[in-house]
Amino acid sequence: MKKGIHPENYRLVAFKDMSNDDIFITKSTANTAETIEHEGVEYPLIKMEISRTSHPFYTGKSKLIDTAGRIDKFKNKYAKFKK
């Protein structure tokens, strides 16, 4: 591998799945201002809408996740075309 092209600031970071509150710890260089305490240790926090613990491909269950109200916006927008 070439020297000097890879980041040096790897650290343990907590990733939190907001749809089911699952937290997993891994190394990352992602920047964040938020922190969380997990099992007595404080980690930088990265929030995600979906992860391996909630994605239908991995869980085998179909689940509708509408965190931003996109479905309601779509229905309201196209309600005028309904006959």
C-alpha atoms as a PDB file:
ATOM      1  CA  MET A   1       0.000   0.000   0.000  1.00  0.00           C
ATOM      2  CA  LYS A   2       1.095   3.568  -0.640  1.00  0.00           C
ATOM      3  CA  LYS A   3       2.235   5.582   2.358  1.00  0.00           C
ATOM      4  CA  GLY A   4       0.427   8.787   3.354  1.00  0.00           C
ATOM      5  CA  ILE A   5      -2.858   8.297   1.463  1.00  0.00           C
ATOM      6  CA  HIS A   6      -4.880   6.535   4.171  1.00  0.00           C
ATOM      7  CA  PRO A   7      -6.474   8.341   7.141  1.00  0.00           C
ATOM      8  CA  GLU A   8      -4.681   8.115  10.452  1.00  0.00           C
ATOM      9  CA  ASN A   9      -7.543   9.135  12.770  1.00  0.00           C
ATOM     10  CA  TYR A  10      -9.338   5.773  13.142  1.00  0.00           C
ATOM     11  CA  ARG A  11     -11.167   5.461  16.441  1.00  0.00           C
ATOM     12  CA  LEU A  12     -14.030   3.451  17.926  1.00  0.00           C
ATOM     13  CA  VAL A  13     -17.404   4.929  16.965  1.00  0.00           C
ATOM     14  CA  ALA A  14     -20.951   3.909  17.969  1.00  0.00           C
ATOM     15  CA  PHE A  15     -23.421   3.528  15.104  1.00  0.00           C
ATOM     16  CA  LYS A  16     -27.087   3.648  16.190  1.00  0.00           C
ATOM     17  CA  ASP A  17     -29.953   2.341  14.072  1.00  0.00           C
ATOM     18  CA  MET A  18     -32.770   4.813  14.772  1.00  0.00           C
ATOM     19  CA  SER A  19     -35.518   2.430  13.612  1.00  0.00           C
ATOM     20  CA  ASN A  20     -34.839  -0.209  16.292  1.00  0.00           C
ATOM     21  CA  ASP A  21     -32.286   1.463  18.643  1.00  0.00           C
ATOM     22  CA  ASP A  22     -29.618  -1.169  17.946  1.00  0.00           C
ATOM     23  CA  ILE A  23     -26.069   0.062  18.621  1.00  0.00           C
ATOM     24  CA  PHE A  24     -22.863  -1.427  17.284  1.00  0.00           C
ATOM     25  CA  ILE A  25     -19.269  -0.317  17.780  1.00  0.00           C
ATOM     26  CA  THR A  26     -16.670  -0.274  15.007  1.00  0.00           C
ATOM     27  CA  LYS A  27     -13.662   1.746  13.925  1.00  0.00           C
ATOM     28  CA  SER A  28     -14.321   4.774  11.722  1.00  0.00           C
ATOM     29  CA  THR A  29     -12.962   8.158  10.684  1.00  0.00           C
ATOM     30  CA  ALA A  30     -16.434   9.743  10.379  1.00  0.00           C
ATOM     31  CA  ASN A  31     -16.751  13.123  12.109  1.00  0.00           C
ATOM     32  CA  THR A  32     -19.575  13.813  14.548  1.00  0.00           C
ATOM     33  CA  ALA A  33     -20.305  16.193  17.393  1.00  0.00           C
ATOM     34  CA  GLU A  34     -22.657  13.816  19.234  1.00  0.00           C
ATOM     35  CA  THR A  35     -21.590  11.213  21.785  1.00  0.00           C
ATOM     36  CA  ILE A  36     -23.292   8.306  23.516  1.00  0.00           C
ATOM     37  CA  GLU A  37     -22.464   6.178  26.535  1.00  0.00           C
ATOM     38  CA  HIS A  38     -22.610   2.466  25.766  1.00  0.00           C
ATOM     39  CA  GLU A  39     -21.684  -0.187  28.350  1.00  0.00           C
ATOM     40  CA  GLY A  40     -19.984   2.430  30.520  1.00  0.00           C
ATOM     41  CA  VAL A  41     -17.786   3.906  27.762  1.00  0.00           C
ATOM     42  CA  GLU A  42     -18.437   7.157  25.873  1.00  0.00           C
ATOM     43  CA  TYR A  43     -18.197   6.947  22.062  1.00  0.00           C
ATOM     44  CA  PRO A  44     -18.749   9.387  19.186  1.00  0.00           C
ATOM     45  CA  LEU A  45     -22.255   8.698  17.765  1.00  0.00           C
ATOM     46  CA  ILE A  46     -23.334   8.256  14.140  1.00  0.00           C
ATOM     47  CA  LYS A  47     -27.121   7.913  13.631  1.00  0.00           C
ATOM     48  CA  MET A  48     -28.472   5.738  10.797  1.00  0.00           C
ATOM     49  CA  GLU A  49     -32.006   5.205   9.526  1.00  0.00           C
ATOM     50  CA  ILE A  50     -31.430   1.570   8.610  1.00  0.00           C
ATOM     51  CA  SER A  51     -28.754  -1.054   9.275  1.00  0.00           C
ATOM     52  CA  ARG A  52     -28.187  -4.785   9.009  1.00  0.00           C
ATOM     53  CA  THR A  53     -30.485  -5.349  12.007  1.00  0.00           C
ATOM     54  CA  SER A  54     -33.485  -3.632  10.408  1.00  0.00           C
ATOM     55  CA  HIS A  55     -32.999  -4.028   6.640  1.00  0.00           C
ATOM     56  CA  PRO A  56     -35.569  -6.395   5.072  1.00  0.00           C
ATOM     57  CA  PHE A  57     -32.879  -8.245   3.087  1.00  0.00           C
ATOM     58  CA  TYR A  58     -31.102  -9.331   6.274  1.00  0.00           C
ATOM     59  CA  THR A  59     -34.134  -9.754   8.538  1.00  0.00           C
ATOM     60  CA  GLY A  60     -36.376 -11.520   6.035  1.00  0.00           C
ATOM     61  CA  LYS A  61     -39.269  -9.290   7.097  1.00  0.00           C
ATOM     62  CA  SER A  62     -40.810  -6.518   5.050  1.00  0.00           C
ATOM     63  CA  LYS A  63     -41.134  -3.409   7.160  1.00  0.00           C
ATOM     64  CA  LEU A  64     -42.210   0.088   6.161  1.00  0.00           C
ATOM     65  CA  ILE A  65     -39.956   2.807   7.581  1.00  0.00           C
ATOM     66  CA  ASP A  66     -41.244   6.330   6.994  1.00  0.00           C
ATOM     67  CA  THR A  67     -39.141   8.625   9.166  1.00  0.00           C
ATOM     68  CA  ALA A  68     -39.629  11.802   7.144  1.00  0.00           C
ATOM     69  CA  GLY A  69     -43.357  11.480   6.298  1.00  0.00           C
ATOM     70  CA  ARG A  70     -42.573  10.900   2.629  1.00  0.00           C
ATOM     71  CA  ILE A  71     -45.567   8.635   2.065  1.00  0.00           C
ATOM     72  CA  ASP A  72     -48.014  11.198   3.458  1.00  0.00           C
ATOM     73  CA  LYS A  73     -46.442  13.943   1.338  1.00  0.00           C
ATOM     74  CA  PHE A  74     -46.783  11.763  -1.755  1.00  0.00           C
ATOM     75  CA  LYS A  75     -50.433  10.910  -1.023  1.00  0.00           C
ATOM     76  CA  ASN A  76     -51.324  14.567  -0.391  1.00  0.00           C
ATOM     77  CA  LYS A  77     -49.550  15.723  -3.531  1.00  0.00           C
ATOM     78  CA  TYR A  78     -51.348  13.265  -5.811  1.00  0.00           C
ATOM     79  CA  ALA A  79     -54.753  13.215  -4.071  1.00  0.00           C
ATOM     80  CA  LYS A  80     -56.013  15.851  -6.514  1.00  0.00           C
ATOM     81  CA  PHE A  81     -55.623  13.379  -9.416  1.00  0.00           C
ATOM     82  CA  LYS A  82     -57.735  10.735  -7.703  1.00  0.00           C
ATOM     83  CA  LYS A  83     -61.054  10.114  -9.482  1.00  0.00           C
END
